[in-house]
Amino acid sequence: MKKPISVNMSKIPMIMEVTSPKDLSKVNLAERVIFKLPMALRKESDFLKHLDLLNKARLDEISSAEDKLRFIKTRGLVNMLFLHDNGGADPIWKLNDYGKPYIEGWDKDFSISHTRDISLVAVASEAIGVDIEDNGRDIDLEKFKRTKFLNFDEGAYDNKEEFLMRFTALEAYLKYIGKGFYKDARTISVRKVNDGIVIDDGGLIKAEVIRDGGDTIAIVMGKPLEIDGIK
């Protein structure tokens, strides 16, 4: 008889709302923190002035005013955190082979996600992925189930809440491995175990999924779990 799978719950990162650089005065990047940025900032210029030349050039390619603001606040925040951690050195942004951004020489990984009203930036000393989805978005559960685009357990299609727990976990995991949807999602099993979400991609890893207001947030970080003697 197969042993039941047990999953140890890891510490859920703290969520810190940021509307101004002053909110970062006591930040400690040794802690697990997710930075939450609303669309309404105290001063957009406080974030814009921290954009490096490469990101300023990319900003010019964005046409939507809302997308420009999301870009300014998330990239500006990442650069502020880099400067805080590196004593004023200039950040050099790069993209990996799958388009995931990183800063050359920084011993931190970061991940960015958006809804219409909220942006998230997660930073860690290890690989990390974060995703946020609006609980109010329309989702055709039957269509997702029929297309077999996703490898979720049957409970995912019971209701939107169950689906979003798994979908945000999958998106966070794809960012965690740095490949996004270049990786075939059908090869990744996402299932609920003991009220938590476990991802199996040849190794098992736990996703932390939390409710925050009207949003669902998932975080994947750390090393694969050891479950029933399997790493």
Protein backbone atom coordinates (compact mmCIF):
# COMPACT_ATOMS: atom_id res chain seq x y z
CA MET A 1 0.00 0.00 0.00
CA LYS A 2 1.35 3.38 -0.97
CA LYS A 3 2.21 5.69 1.91
CA PRO A 4 0.26 8.96 2.18
CA ILE A 5 2.17 12.01 1.06
CA SER A 6 2.95 14.43 3.86
CA VAL A 7 4.07 18.00 3.27
CA ASN A 8 5.66 20.27 5.83
CA MET A 9 4.39 23.82 5.59
CA SER A 10 7.23 26.34 5.17
CA LYS A 11 7.19 29.89 6.42
CA ILE A 12 4.93 32.13 4.32
CA PRO A 13 6.68 35.34 3.23
CA MET A 14 5.53 38.65 4.64
CA ILE A 15 3.70 40.96 2.24
CA MET A 16 4.88 44.59 2.41
CA GLU A 17 2.93 47.33 0.62
CA VAL A 18 5.12 49.93 -1.05
CA THR A 19 3.90 53.27 -2.38
CA SER A 20 7.10 55.27 -1.79
CA PRO A 21 10.85 54.59 -1.37
CA LYS A 22 10.39 55.62 2.29
CA ASP A 23 8.52 52.35 2.84
CA LEU A 24 11.81 50.52 2.22
CA SER A 25 13.78 52.23 4.99
CA LYS A 26 13.79 49.15 7.22
CA VAL A 27 13.69 46.41 4.60
CA ASN A 28 15.83 43.34 5.25
CA LEU A 29 16.43 41.20 2.16
CA ALA A 30 17.57 38.34 4.39
CA GLU A 31 13.88 37.90 5.28
CA ARG A 32 11.20 36.47 3.02
CA VAL A 33 9.31 39.49 1.73
CA ILE A 34 6.96 40.09 -1.17
CA PHE A 35 6.59 43.73 -2.14
CA LYS A 36 3.08 44.78 -3.13
CA LEU A 37 2.70 47.89 -5.26
CA PRO A 38 -0.77 49.38 -5.90
CA MET A 39 -1.39 51.34 -9.08
CA ALA A 40 -1.65 54.54 -7.03
CA LEU A 41 1.88 55.61 -6.03
CA ARG A 42 2.66 58.68 -3.99
CA LYS A 43 5.09 59.90 -6.65
CA GLU A 44 5.73 58.00 -9.86
CA SER A 45 8.93 59.99 -10.31
CA ASP A 46 10.39 58.38 -7.17
CA PHE A 47 10.43 55.09 -9.04
CA LEU A 48 11.16 56.44 -12.51
CA LYS A 49 14.41 58.06 -11.41
CA HIS A 50 15.74 54.66 -10.36
CA LEU A 51 15.33 53.11 -13.82
CA ASP A 52 18.62 52.26 -15.49
CA LEU A 53 19.30 53.24 -19.11
CA LEU A 54 18.34 49.82 -20.52
CA ASN A 55 14.96 49.80 -18.79
CA LYS A 56 14.33 53.42 -19.79
CA ALA A 57 14.85 52.38 -23.41
CA ARG A 58 12.43 49.49 -22.96
CA LEU A 59 9.92 51.84 -21.36
CA ASP A 60 9.78 53.83 -24.60
CA GLU A 61 8.56 50.70 -26.40
CA ILE A 62 5.48 50.36 -24.16
CA SER A 63 2.38 52.12 -25.48
CA SER A 64 -0.19 51.59 -22.70
CA ALA A 65 -0.05 54.16 -19.88
CA GLU A 66 -1.03 51.49 -17.32
CA ASP A 67 1.64 49.08 -18.57
CA LYS A 68 4.21 51.89 -18.43
CA LEU A 69 3.33 52.54 -14.79
CA ARG A 70 3.57 48.83 -13.92
CA PHE A 71 6.97 48.70 -15.62
CA ILE A 72 8.25 51.83 -13.87
CA LYS A 73 7.23 50.81 -10.37
CA THR A 74 8.43 47.19 -10.55
CA ARG A 75 11.77 47.82 -12.30
CA GLY A 76 12.34 50.93 -10.23
CA LEU A 77 11.70 48.96 -7.05
CA VAL A 78 14.05 46.13 -8.06
CA ASN A 79 16.80 48.67 -8.74
CA MET A 80 16.19 50.32 -5.36
CA LEU A 81 16.52 46.96 -3.64
CA PHE A 82 19.69 46.21 -5.60
CA LEU A 83 21.21 49.55 -4.61
CA HIS A 84 20.20 48.96 -1.00
CA ASP A 85 21.95 45.58 -1.12
CA ASN A 86 25.03 46.67 -3.06
CA GLY A 87 26.00 50.07 -1.73
CA GLY A 88 25.15 52.12 -4.81
CA ALA A 89 26.58 49.94 -7.60
CA ASP A 90 24.92 50.29 -11.00
CA PRO A 91 22.54 47.43 -11.84
CA ILE A 92 23.17 45.66 -15.15
CA TRP A 93 19.98 43.98 -16.36
CA LYS A 94 20.12 40.85 -18.51
CA LEU A 95 17.63 38.32 -19.90
CA ASN A 96 18.11 34.57 -19.77
CA ASP A 97 17.46 32.39 -22.82
CA TYR A 98 13.73 32.33 -22.01
CA GLY A 99 13.33 36.06 -21.42
CA LYS A 100 13.44 36.09 -17.62
CA PRO A 101 15.20 39.24 -16.35
CA TYR A 102 18.04 39.16 -13.84
CA ILE A 103 20.73 41.55 -12.65
CA GLU A 104 24.27 40.51 -13.50
CA GLY A 105 26.39 39.69 -10.46
CA TRP A 106 23.57 40.07 -7.90
CA ASP A 107 23.26 37.15 -5.52
CA LYS A 108 19.48 37.59 -5.43
CA ASP A 109 16.76 36.28 -7.69
CA PHE A 110 13.57 38.22 -8.27
CA SER A 111 10.16 37.62 -9.79
CA ILE A 112 7.46 40.04 -10.94
CA SER A 113 3.73 39.57 -11.44
CA HIS A 114 0.74 41.84 -12.09
CA THR A 115 -3.01 42.10 -12.01
CA ARG A 116 -4.89 45.15 -13.28
CA ASP A 117 -4.60 46.88 -9.89
CA ILE A 118 -1.61 45.29 -8.14
CA SER A 119 2.01 44.48 -8.94
CA LEU A 120 4.20 42.12 -6.92
CA VAL A 121 7.96 41.89 -6.66
CA ALA A 122 9.51 38.96 -4.79
CA VAL A 123 13.24 38.90 -4.01
CA ALA A 124 15.21 36.06 -2.44
CA SER A 125 18.71 34.68 -2.03
CA GLU A 126 17.61 31.58 -3.95
CA ALA A 127 15.47 30.90 -6.99
CA ILE A 128 11.98 32.32 -6.58
CA GLY A 129 8.78 32.65 -8.58
CA VAL A 130 5.63 34.59 -7.74
CA ASP A 131 2.24 34.91 -9.41
CA ILE A 132 -0.90 36.89 -8.62
CA GLU A 133 -4.34 36.47 -10.14
CA ASP A 134 -7.55 38.44 -9.65
CA ASN A 135 -10.21 36.21 -8.07
CA GLY A 136 -12.85 38.12 -10.02
CA ARG A 137 -11.54 37.19 -13.49
CA ASP A 138 -13.77 35.08 -15.72
CA ILE A 139 -12.55 31.50 -16.08
CA ASP A 140 -14.14 28.82 -18.25
CA LEU A 141 -13.29 25.78 -16.13
CA GLU A 142 -14.89 23.32 -18.54
CA LYS A 143 -12.85 24.67 -21.44
CA PHE A 144 -9.59 24.30 -19.51
CA LYS A 145 -10.59 20.77 -18.52
CA ARG A 146 -11.43 19.81 -22.12
CA THR A 147 -8.27 21.21 -23.71
CA LYS A 148 -5.96 19.23 -21.38
CA PHE A 149 -3.47 22.09 -21.60
CA LEU A 150 -2.83 21.71 -17.88
CA ASN A 151 -1.90 18.70 -15.75
CA PHE A 152 -4.03 19.38 -12.65
CA ASP A 153 -5.82 16.92 -10.37
CA GLU A 154 -9.60 16.65 -10.83
CA GLY A 155 -10.33 18.87 -7.82
CA ALA A 156 -8.93 21.84 -9.74
CA TYR A 157 -12.13 22.08 -11.75
CA ASP A 158 -14.56 22.00 -8.80
CA ASN A 159 -14.65 25.80 -8.63
CA LYS A 160 -12.65 28.91 -9.51
CA GLU A 161 -10.96 29.08 -6.10
CA GLU A 162 -9.53 25.58 -6.46
CA PHE A 163 -8.43 26.28 -10.04
CA LEU A 164 -6.63 29.52 -9.15
CA MET A 165 -4.74 27.83 -6.33
CA ARG A 166 -3.18 25.47 -8.86
CA PHE A 167 -2.88 27.93 -11.75
CA THR A 168 -1.00 30.55 -9.72
CA ALA A 169 1.23 27.79 -8.32
CA LEU A 170 2.05 26.61 -11.84
CA GLU A 171 2.83 30.14 -13.07
CA ALA A 172 5.03 30.79 -10.00
CA TYR A 173 6.87 27.52 -10.62
CA LEU A 174 7.52 28.36 -14.28
CA LYS A 175 9.08 31.64 -13.16
CA TYR A 176 11.02 29.81 -10.44
CA ILE A 177 12.71 27.58 -13.04
CA GLY A 178 13.21 30.60 -15.30
CA LYS A 179 11.47 29.18 -18.39
CA GLY A 180 7.89 30.48 -18.31
CA PHE A 181 5.54 28.77 -20.75
CA TYR A 182 8.47 27.74 -22.94
CA LYS A 183 8.17 24.73 -20.65
CA ASP A 184 5.29 22.42 -21.63
CA ALA A 185 2.80 22.77 -18.77
CA ARG A 186 1.37 19.33 -19.54
CA THR A 187 4.58 17.74 -18.26
CA ILE A 188 4.18 19.35 -14.82
CA SER A 189 1.78 17.76 -12.34
CA VAL A 190 0.08 20.22 -9.97
CA ARG A 191 -2.10 18.76 -7.23
CA LYS A 192 -3.50 19.49 -3.81
CA VAL A 193 -1.98 17.53 -0.92
CA ASN A 194 -3.14 18.10 2.67
CA ASP A 195 -4.58 21.52 1.77
CA GLY A 196 -1.29 22.56 0.14
CA ILE A 197 -0.23 22.61 -3.51
CA VAL A 198 2.57 20.28 -4.61
CA ILE A 199 4.27 20.45 -8.01
CA ASP A 200 5.91 17.39 -9.57
CA ASP A 201 8.32 18.10 -12.42
CA GLY A 202 10.65 15.16 -11.86
CA GLY A 203 11.12 16.46 -8.32
CA LEU A 204 8.55 17.63 -5.79
CA ILE A 205 8.27 21.21 -4.61
CA LYS A 206 5.73 23.01 -2.48
CA ALA A 207 3.95 26.20 -3.54
CA GLU A 208 2.71 28.58 -0.88
CA VAL A 209 -0.71 29.87 -1.92
CA ILE A 210 -2.38 32.68 0.01
CA ARG A 211 -5.47 34.86 -0.29
CA ASP A 212 -4.86 38.57 -0.18
CA GLY A 213 -7.99 40.66 -0.50
CA GLY A 214 -9.51 39.84 -3.88
CA ASP A 215 -6.38 38.11 -5.19
CA THR A 216 -4.72 34.71 -5.08
CA ILE A 217 -0.94 34.74 -4.69
CA ALA A 218 1.44 31.81 -5.12
CA ILE A 219 5.14 31.66 -4.25
CA VAL A 220 7.62 28.93 -5.15
CA MET A 221 11.13 29.04 -3.69
CA GLY A 222 13.70 26.88 -1.96
CA LYS A 223 14.77 23.33 -2.68
CA PRO A 224 12.66 20.34 -3.75
CA LEU A 225 10.91 18.54 -0.91
CA GLU A 226 11.68 15.12 0.42
CA ILE A 227 8.37 13.27 0.44
CA ASP A 228 8.12 9.58 1.30
CA GLY A 229 11.84 9.22 0.65
CA ILE A 230 11.63 10.87 -2.78
CA LYS A 231 13.56 14.07 -3.42
